[in-house]
């Protein structure tokens, strides 16, 4: 039996490719036992606006905390949550399906305002978005597992503990991932392919694939999955069978 595992750091309202990776595996591990990096996707993402791409960033405590892990990263102030919700509402209220999600979205941001750890906020949003997209893959934390030394060794060890036969990795990891440690455990490494996404209805041209998945959800609603590669592959397989 094939058991697919993916391991990624948590991100704030990430793009559709992130959720394709979740949907492509049997176990998805949030790898927040690594050093927090500034100006990255852990605490921020992009939405579309009539003025161009707009960053939504969660303020976090970084001064003097150079070696802190992602899961140790604290949120600096709580007013960000209301600001983010109002910004999203401002630019997506005219999309076809935003009204369908507004109540749940506002409730998410109300809850987020009372949470002080970045990883917990990310997990909450990731879980809700998975529900909206009907993604059933369980989300796990890296600290639930025995962690080996070495970047590639650690990832391979987590995959082994989940009885993985296949490890799905983002293409950027080709620069540093040593597949030897996976092959040694009988685990095949498969590289995610983020090319060839179809365009969908999107406000404020030109089209941008790299924005938060919220853009896809608010514009396409229950049809959002048709524009994600993992769902399209699954449908094509069913049709062939």
Protein backbone atom coordinates (compact mmCIF):
# COMPACT_ATOMS: atom_id res chain seq x y z
CA UNK A 1 0.00 0.00 0.00
CA UNK A 2 1.29 3.46 -0.92
CA UNK A 3 1.52 5.91 1.97
CA UNK A 4 2.35 9.47 0.94
CA UNK A 5 3.75 12.03 3.38
CA UNK A 6 4.53 15.73 2.98
CA UNK A 7 6.35 17.94 5.50
CA UNK A 8 6.22 21.74 5.29
CA UNK A 9 6.52 24.68 7.63
CA UNK A 10 3.18 26.24 8.49
CA UNK A 11 2.23 29.32 6.50
CA UNK A 12 -0.39 32.03 6.89
CA UNK A 13 -3.31 31.69 4.41
CA UNK A 14 -0.94 30.19 1.77
CA UNK A 15 -1.44 29.81 -1.97
CA UNK A 16 -3.32 26.96 -3.67
CA UNK A 17 -0.13 24.94 -4.29
CA UNK A 18 0.30 24.49 -0.55
CA UNK A 19 -3.15 22.91 -0.32
CA UNK A 20 -2.52 20.78 -3.39
CA UNK A 21 0.43 19.33 -1.50
CA UNK A 22 -1.76 18.64 1.53
CA UNK A 23 -4.40 17.00 -0.64
CA UNK A 24 -1.82 14.85 -2.45
CA UNK A 25 -0.70 12.97 0.66
CA UNK A 26 -2.01 10.73 3.43
CA UNK A 27 -0.22 12.59 6.24
CA UNK A 28 0.80 16.25 6.27
CA UNK A 29 3.29 17.37 8.92
CA UNK A 30 3.70 20.99 9.96
CA UNK A 31 7.47 21.33 10.32
CA UNK A 32 7.65 24.16 12.87
CA UNK A 33 10.71 22.83 14.71
CA UNK A 34 13.01 24.85 12.47
CA UNK A 35 14.33 28.38 12.81
CA UNK A 36 11.88 31.17 12.09
CA UNK A 37 12.92 33.25 9.08
CA UNK A 38 11.88 36.86 8.57
CA UNK A 39 10.26 38.13 5.37
CA UNK A 40 9.02 34.64 4.57
CA UNK A 41 5.60 32.96 4.24
CA UNK A 42 5.29 31.92 7.88
CA UNK A 43 3.50 35.11 8.95
CA UNK A 44 2.37 36.79 5.73
CA UNK A 45 0.77 36.33 2.35
CA UNK A 46 -0.60 38.24 -0.64
CA UNK A 47 -4.13 39.10 -1.72
CA UNK A 48 -5.36 40.78 -4.91
CA UNK A 49 -6.59 44.38 -4.81
CA UNK A 50 -7.54 46.98 -7.38
CA UNK A 51 -4.21 48.66 -6.58
CA UNK A 52 -2.17 45.50 -7.16
CA UNK A 53 -0.82 42.77 -4.84
CA UNK A 54 -1.22 43.58 -1.13
CA UNK A 55 0.71 41.93 1.72
CA UNK A 56 -1.13 40.84 4.86
CA UNK A 57 1.48 40.38 7.61
CA UNK A 58 1.05 39.17 11.19
CA UNK A 59 3.39 41.18 13.46
CA UNK A 60 5.65 38.84 15.44
CA UNK A 61 8.32 39.19 18.11
CA UNK A 62 11.76 38.85 16.52
CA UNK A 63 14.02 41.36 18.31
CA UNK A 64 16.79 39.47 20.06
CA UNK A 65 15.20 36.12 19.14
CA UNK A 66 17.49 35.15 16.30
CA UNK A 67 17.39 31.40 16.90
CA UNK A 68 13.75 30.94 17.83
CA UNK A 69 11.83 28.15 16.14
CA UNK A 70 8.65 28.77 14.19
CA UNK A 71 6.56 27.16 16.94
CA UNK A 72 8.18 29.45 19.53
CA UNK A 73 7.35 32.62 17.61
CA UNK A 74 4.93 34.91 19.42
CA UNK A 75 2.56 37.45 17.92
CA UNK A 76 3.49 41.01 18.81
CA UNK A 77 0.04 42.64 18.98
CA UNK A 78 -3.51 41.46 18.43
CA UNK A 79 -5.00 44.33 16.43
CA UNK A 80 -3.71 42.68 13.23
CA UNK A 81 -6.65 40.26 13.12
CA UNK A 82 -9.38 42.88 12.75
CA UNK A 83 -7.24 44.81 10.26
CA UNK A 84 -6.73 41.73 8.09
CA UNK A 85 -10.40 40.80 8.15
CA UNK A 86 -11.49 44.31 7.15
CA UNK A 87 -8.91 44.43 4.34
CA UNK A 88 -10.04 41.08 2.95
CA UNK A 89 -13.66 42.17 3.20
CA UNK A 90 -12.92 45.43 1.41
CA UNK A 91 -11.31 43.78 -1.63
CA UNK A 92 -13.32 40.55 -1.87
CA UNK A 93 -16.84 41.65 -0.99
CA UNK A 94 -17.62 41.95 -4.73
CA UNK A 95 -16.55 38.39 -5.54
CA UNK A 96 -19.31 35.92 -6.24
CA UNK A 97 -18.80 33.65 -3.25
CA UNK A 98 -17.29 35.85 -0.52
CA UNK A 99 -20.71 36.26 1.21
CA UNK A 100 -20.88 32.47 1.60
CA UNK A 101 -17.75 32.48 3.78
CA UNK A 102 -17.87 35.84 5.54
CA UNK A 103 -19.43 34.67 8.81
CA UNK A 104 -16.93 31.83 9.25
CA UNK A 105 -14.04 34.05 8.14
CA UNK A 106 -14.89 36.74 10.67
CA UNK A 107 -15.19 34.12 13.41
CA UNK A 108 -11.70 32.86 12.49
CA UNK A 109 -10.21 36.33 12.89
CA UNK A 110 -12.03 36.91 16.16
CA UNK A 111 -10.50 33.69 17.49
CA UNK A 112 -7.11 34.57 16.04
CA UNK A 113 -7.09 37.82 18.02
CA UNK A 114 -6.95 35.80 21.24
CA UNK A 115 -4.09 33.52 20.14
CA UNK A 116 -0.50 34.53 20.86
CA UNK A 117 1.51 31.87 19.01
CA UNK A 118 1.99 32.14 15.25
CA UNK A 119 1.94 28.37 14.63
CA UNK A 120 -1.43 28.05 16.34
CA UNK A 121 -2.93 30.81 14.21
CA UNK A 122 -1.57 29.21 11.04
CA UNK A 123 -2.93 25.82 12.07
CA UNK A 124 -6.38 27.25 12.68
CA UNK A 125 -6.56 28.88 9.25
CA UNK A 126 -5.07 25.86 7.49
CA UNK A 127 -7.63 23.56 9.13
CA UNK A 128 -10.57 25.77 8.18
CA UNK A 129 -9.41 26.22 4.60
CA UNK A 130 -8.99 22.44 4.29
CA UNK A 131 -12.62 22.10 5.38
CA UNK A 132 -13.74 24.63 2.78
CA UNK A 133 -11.86 22.68 0.10
CA UNK A 134 -13.03 19.31 1.45
CA UNK A 135 -9.46 18.14 2.06
CA UNK A 136 -9.44 15.22 4.51
CA UNK A 137 -5.68 14.83 5.08
CA UNK A 138 -4.85 15.03 8.81
CA UNK A 139 -2.47 17.79 9.91
CA UNK A 140 0.28 16.74 12.33
CA UNK A 141 3.05 18.60 14.19
CA UNK A 142 6.73 17.76 13.79
CA UNK A 143 7.25 17.84 17.56
CA UNK A 144 5.02 14.76 17.82
CA UNK A 145 7.86 12.71 16.32
CA UNK A 146 11.41 11.70 17.22
CA UNK A 147 13.60 14.25 15.47
CA UNK A 148 16.93 13.17 14.02
CA UNK A 149 19.94 15.41 13.46
CA UNK A 150 20.55 16.77 9.97
CA UNK A 151 18.07 18.47 7.63
CA UNK A 152 17.41 15.57 5.25
CA UNK A 153 17.83 12.92 7.94
CA UNK A 154 15.16 14.58 10.09
CA UNK A 155 12.61 14.69 7.28
CA UNK A 156 13.31 11.09 6.31
CA UNK A 157 12.97 9.96 9.94
CA UNK A 158 9.56 11.64 10.31
CA UNK A 159 8.40 10.03 7.07
CA UNK A 160 9.67 6.64 8.28
CA UNK A 161 7.73 6.98 11.55
CA UNK A 162 4.59 7.47 9.48
CA UNK A 163 5.35 4.29 7.47
CA UNK A 164 5.70 6.38 4.33
CA UNK A 165 6.47 4.77 1.01
CA UNK A 166 6.52 8.13 -0.81
CA UNK A 167 7.69 11.57 0.32
CA UNK A 168 6.24 14.55 -1.57
CA UNK A 169 8.51 17.58 -1.61
CA UNK A 170 8.26 21.04 -3.09
CA UNK A 171 10.52 21.61 -6.12
CA UNK A 172 12.61 24.25 -4.31
CA UNK A 173 13.96 21.52 -2.00
CA UNK A 174 15.90 19.98 -4.90
CA UNK A 175 18.70 22.39 -3.97
CA UNK A 176 19.30 20.85 -0.56
CA UNK A 177 17.32 17.62 -0.02
CA UNK A 178 19.52 14.50 0.02
CA UNK A 179 17.26 11.74 -1.32
CA UNK A 180 19.77 9.10 -0.15
CA UNK A 181 18.33 9.14 3.36
CA UNK A 182 14.83 8.46 2.01
CA UNK A 183 15.93 5.76 -0.41
CA UNK A 184 17.79 4.07 2.44
CA UNK A 185 14.43 3.66 4.20
CA UNK A 186 12.67 2.49 1.05
CA UNK A 187 10.89 5.82 0.60
CA UNK A 188 10.50 7.24 -2.90
CA UNK A 189 10.85 11.03 -3.27
CA UNK A 190 8.27 12.69 -5.51
CA UNK A 191 8.58 16.33 -6.53
CA UNK A 192 5.47 18.50 -6.56
CA UNK A 193 4.77 20.19 -9.88
CA UNK A 194 3.31 23.68 -9.63
CA UNK A 195 3.19 24.37 -13.38
CA UNK A 196 0.16 24.39 -15.62
CA UNK A 197 -2.49 25.71 -13.25
CA UNK A 198 -5.63 26.82 -15.11
CA UNK A 199 -6.83 30.38 -14.64
CA UNK A 200 -10.11 31.06 -12.87
CA UNK A 201 -12.39 34.07 -12.46
CA UNK A 202 -10.29 36.71 -10.70
CA UNK A 203 -10.90 40.37 -9.99
CA UNK A 204 -8.33 43.05 -10.78
CA UNK A 205 -6.31 41.81 -13.80
CA UNK A 206 -3.69 40.75 -14.71
CA UNK A 207 -4.15 37.21 -13.42
CA UNK A 208 -1.88 36.14 -10.55
CA UNK A 209 -1.50 32.46 -9.55
CA UNK A 210 0.65 33.15 -6.48
CA UNK A 211 -1.87 34.91 -4.23
CA UNK A 212 -3.50 33.36 -1.16
CA UNK A 213 -5.89 30.47 -1.81
CA UNK A 214 -8.61 32.69 -0.33
CA UNK A 215 -8.68 34.43 -3.71
CA UNK A 216 -9.61 31.19 -5.45
CA UNK A 217 -12.19 30.26 -2.80
CA UNK A 218 -13.98 33.62 -2.81
CA UNK A 219 -14.05 33.78 -6.61
CA UNK A 220 -15.02 30.17 -7.33
CA UNK A 221 -16.61 28.85 -4.13
CA UNK A 222 -17.65 25.18 -4.47
CA UNK A 223 -15.94 25.08 -7.89
CA UNK A 224 -12.54 26.02 -6.42
CA UNK A 225 -11.30 22.42 -6.40
CA UNK A 226 -11.65 22.22 -10.20
CA UNK A 227 -8.76 24.68 -10.45
CA UNK A 228 -6.41 22.69 -8.20
CA UNK A 229 -4.14 20.08 -9.74
CA UNK A 230 -4.54 17.37 -7.10
CA UNK A 231 -8.32 17.33 -7.49
CA UNK A 232 -8.06 17.36 -11.29
CA UNK A 233 -5.68 14.36 -11.20
CA UNK A 234 -8.06 12.51 -8.90
CA UNK A 235 -11.02 13.18 -11.19
CA UNK A 236 -9.06 12.08 -14.26
CA UNK A 237 -8.08 8.84 -12.50
CA UNK A 238 -11.72 8.14 -11.60
CA UNK A 239 -12.79 8.73 -15.18
CA UNK A 240 -10.11 6.31 -16.48
CA UNK A 241 -11.10 3.64 -13.96
